[in-house]
N, C-alpha and C. Protein backbone atom coordinates (compact mmCIF):
# COMPACT_ATOMS: atom_id res chain seq x y z
N MET A 1 0.86 -1.18 0.00
CA MET A 1 0.00 0.00 0.00
C MET A 1 0.90 1.23 0.00
N THR A 2 0.66 2.13 -0.93
CA THR A 2 1.51 3.30 -1.05
C THR A 2 1.00 4.50 -0.29
N GLY A 3 -0.27 4.55 0.05
CA GLY A 3 -0.80 5.70 0.77
C GLY A 3 -2.29 5.60 0.94
N VAL A 4 -2.81 6.51 1.70
CA VAL A 4 -4.24 6.56 1.97
C VAL A 4 -4.76 7.90 1.48
N THR A 5 -5.87 7.88 0.76
CA THR A 5 -6.50 9.11 0.30
C THR A 5 -7.92 9.18 0.84
N ALA A 6 -8.47 10.36 0.84
CA ALA A 6 -9.84 10.56 1.30
C ALA A 6 -10.66 11.14 0.14
N GLN A 7 -11.90 10.71 0.05
CA GLN A 7 -12.82 11.20 -0.96
C GLN A 7 -14.01 11.86 -0.27
N LEU A 8 -14.55 12.89 -0.87
CA LEU A 8 -15.74 13.54 -0.34
C LEU A 8 -16.99 12.84 -0.83
N GLY A 9 -18.03 12.90 -0.04
CA GLY A 9 -19.31 12.32 -0.41
C GLY A 9 -20.44 13.22 0.05
N PHE A 10 -21.66 12.74 -0.10
CA PHE A 10 -22.84 13.52 0.26
C PHE A 10 -23.85 12.60 0.93
N VAL A 11 -24.42 13.09 2.04
CA VAL A 11 -25.51 12.38 2.72
C VAL A 11 -26.63 13.39 2.94
N GLY A 12 -27.83 13.06 2.52
CA GLY A 12 -28.99 13.93 2.74
C GLY A 12 -30.15 13.09 3.22
N GLY A 13 -31.01 13.68 3.99
CA GLY A 13 -32.15 12.92 4.48
C GLY A 13 -33.25 13.81 5.01
N ALA A 14 -34.39 13.16 5.25
CA ALA A 14 -35.54 13.84 5.82
C ALA A 14 -36.35 12.81 6.58
N GLY A 15 -37.04 13.27 7.59
CA GLY A 15 -37.85 12.33 8.37
C GLY A 15 -38.94 13.04 9.13
N ALA A 16 -39.78 12.22 9.75
CA ALA A 16 -40.89 12.76 10.55
C ALA A 16 -41.19 11.81 11.69
N ALA A 17 -41.63 12.37 12.81
CA ALA A 17 -42.06 11.57 13.96
C ALA A 17 -43.47 12.00 14.32
N PHE A 18 -44.30 11.04 14.66
CA PHE A 18 -45.68 11.30 15.03
C PHE A 18 -45.93 10.72 16.41
N ILE A 19 -46.35 11.58 17.34
CA ILE A 19 -46.65 11.14 18.69
C ILE A 19 -48.11 10.67 18.72
N LEU A 20 -48.30 9.39 19.04
CA LEU A 20 -49.65 8.81 19.03
C LEU A 20 -50.32 8.93 20.39
N THR A 21 -49.55 8.74 21.46
CA THR A 21 -50.05 8.91 22.82
C THR A 21 -48.99 9.71 23.58
N LYS A 22 -49.18 9.87 24.87
CA LYS A 22 -48.22 10.63 25.68
C LYS A 22 -46.83 9.97 25.67
N PHE A 23 -46.77 8.64 25.55
CA PHE A 23 -45.51 7.92 25.65
C PHE A 23 -45.04 7.24 24.36
N PHE A 24 -45.93 7.01 23.42
CA PHE A 24 -45.57 6.25 22.23
C PHE A 24 -45.78 7.06 20.96
N GLY A 25 -44.97 6.76 19.99
CA GLY A 25 -45.08 7.39 18.68
C GLY A 25 -44.45 6.50 17.62
N GLU A 26 -44.41 7.01 16.40
CA GLU A 26 -43.77 6.29 15.30
C GLU A 26 -42.98 7.29 14.48
N PHE A 27 -42.00 6.78 13.76
CA PHE A 27 -41.17 7.67 12.95
C PHE A 27 -40.84 7.00 11.63
N ALA A 28 -40.50 7.82 10.65
CA ALA A 28 -40.05 7.36 9.33
C ALA A 28 -38.96 8.32 8.86
N GLU A 29 -37.99 7.78 8.15
CA GLU A 29 -36.88 8.60 7.68
C GLU A 29 -36.37 8.06 6.35
N TYR A 30 -35.92 8.96 5.48
CA TYR A 30 -35.31 8.61 4.20
C TYR A 30 -33.90 9.19 4.17
N ARG A 31 -32.93 8.42 3.68
CA ARG A 31 -31.56 8.90 3.54
C ARG A 31 -31.03 8.56 2.15
N PHE A 32 -30.30 9.50 1.57
CA PHE A 32 -29.60 9.28 0.30
C PHE A 32 -28.12 9.52 0.54
N THR A 33 -27.28 8.60 0.07
CA THR A 33 -25.83 8.71 0.23
C THR A 33 -25.18 8.56 -1.14
N HIS A 34 -24.20 9.42 -1.42
CA HIS A 34 -23.44 9.33 -2.68
C HIS A 34 -21.96 9.50 -2.37
N PHE A 35 -21.14 8.63 -2.95
CA PHE A 35 -19.70 8.84 -2.92
C PHE A 35 -19.07 8.17 -4.13
N ARG A 36 -17.85 8.57 -4.45
CA ARG A 36 -17.15 8.09 -5.64
C ARG A 36 -15.76 7.60 -5.22
N PRO A 37 -15.63 6.32 -4.89
CA PRO A 37 -14.32 5.82 -4.49
C PRO A 37 -13.42 5.56 -5.71
N ASP A 38 -12.15 5.89 -5.58
CA ASP A 38 -11.13 5.56 -6.56
C ASP A 38 -10.14 4.63 -5.86
N VAL A 39 -10.11 3.38 -6.27
CA VAL A 39 -9.28 2.39 -5.61
C VAL A 39 -8.21 1.91 -6.58
N GLU A 40 -6.96 1.97 -6.15
CA GLU A 40 -5.86 1.43 -6.93
C GLU A 40 -5.37 0.16 -6.24
N PHE A 41 -5.05 -0.86 -7.02
CA PHE A 41 -4.58 -2.10 -6.43
C PHE A 41 -3.46 -2.69 -7.28
N GLN A 42 -2.66 -3.55 -6.65
CA GLN A 42 -1.58 -4.24 -7.34
C GLN A 42 -1.51 -5.67 -6.81
N THR A 43 -1.51 -6.63 -7.73
CA THR A 43 -1.37 -8.04 -7.40
C THR A 43 -0.27 -8.60 -8.28
N GLY A 44 0.86 -8.92 -7.71
CA GLY A 44 1.98 -9.38 -8.52
C GLY A 44 2.41 -8.30 -9.48
N ASN A 45 2.42 -8.60 -10.77
CA ASN A 45 2.77 -7.61 -11.79
C ASN A 45 1.57 -6.87 -12.35
N ALA A 46 0.37 -7.27 -11.92
CA ALA A 46 -0.85 -6.64 -12.43
C ALA A 46 -1.22 -5.45 -11.56
N ARG A 47 -1.54 -4.35 -12.21
CA ARG A 47 -2.00 -3.15 -11.52
C ARG A 47 -3.33 -2.74 -12.12
N GLY A 48 -4.17 -2.14 -11.30
CA GLY A 48 -5.46 -1.71 -11.80
C GLY A 48 -6.06 -0.60 -10.97
N THR A 49 -7.10 -0.01 -11.51
CA THR A 49 -7.82 1.06 -10.83
C THR A 49 -9.32 0.80 -10.98
N VAL A 50 -10.05 1.01 -9.91
CA VAL A 50 -11.50 0.91 -9.94
C VAL A 50 -12.06 2.30 -9.64
N ASP A 51 -12.87 2.81 -10.52
CA ASP A 51 -13.48 4.14 -10.37
C ASP A 51 -14.98 3.97 -10.61
N THR A 52 -15.79 4.21 -9.60
CA THR A 52 -17.22 3.98 -9.72
C THR A 52 -17.99 5.00 -8.87
N ASP A 53 -19.27 5.13 -9.13
CA ASP A 53 -20.17 5.93 -8.30
C ASP A 53 -20.98 4.99 -7.43
N VAL A 54 -21.15 5.34 -6.17
CA VAL A 54 -21.96 4.55 -5.26
C VAL A 54 -23.09 5.44 -4.74
N ASN A 55 -24.34 5.01 -4.98
CA ASN A 55 -25.53 5.70 -4.49
C ASN A 55 -26.35 4.71 -3.67
N THR A 56 -26.76 5.11 -2.48
CA THR A 56 -27.62 4.26 -1.67
C THR A 56 -28.87 5.04 -1.28
N ASN A 57 -29.99 4.34 -1.20
CA ASN A 57 -31.25 4.88 -0.73
C ASN A 57 -31.69 4.02 0.45
N THR A 58 -31.98 4.66 1.58
CA THR A 58 -32.35 3.93 2.78
C THR A 58 -33.64 4.50 3.34
N VAL A 59 -34.58 3.62 3.67
CA VAL A 59 -35.81 4.02 4.33
C VAL A 59 -35.84 3.34 5.70
N LEU A 60 -36.03 4.14 6.75
CA LEU A 60 -36.08 3.64 8.11
C LEU A 60 -37.44 3.93 8.70
N GLY A 61 -37.86 3.10 9.60
CA GLY A 61 -39.11 3.33 10.30
C GLY A 61 -39.12 2.60 11.62
N GLY A 62 -39.89 3.07 12.56
CA GLY A 62 -39.95 2.39 13.84
C GLY A 62 -40.89 3.06 14.80
N VAL A 63 -40.83 2.60 16.01
CA VAL A 63 -41.64 3.18 17.08
C VAL A 63 -40.73 3.87 18.09
N THR A 64 -41.27 4.83 18.78
CA THR A 64 -40.52 5.56 19.78
C THR A 64 -41.25 5.52 21.11
N PHE A 65 -40.49 5.41 22.16
CA PHE A 65 -41.01 5.41 23.54
C PHE A 65 -40.42 6.58 24.27
N ARG A 66 -41.25 7.46 24.78
CA ARG A 66 -40.79 8.67 25.47
C ARG A 66 -41.20 8.61 26.93
N PHE A 67 -40.29 9.03 27.77
CA PHE A 67 -40.60 9.05 29.23
C PHE A 67 -40.03 10.26 29.89
């Protein structure tokens, strides 16, 4: 390994929580993540580079307990 580099990315999201009773509620959230890794590798005499875009979409949901 010749060195370590850092790449910038983006994370954005939005969500909402709804209180159903004094102690219980539910929530939902959406997240989008984007980054572009550039990976260089060497195996024996072979060298290569991988350059790709990575996009993820995540939906979360659950219940909340407040006290």
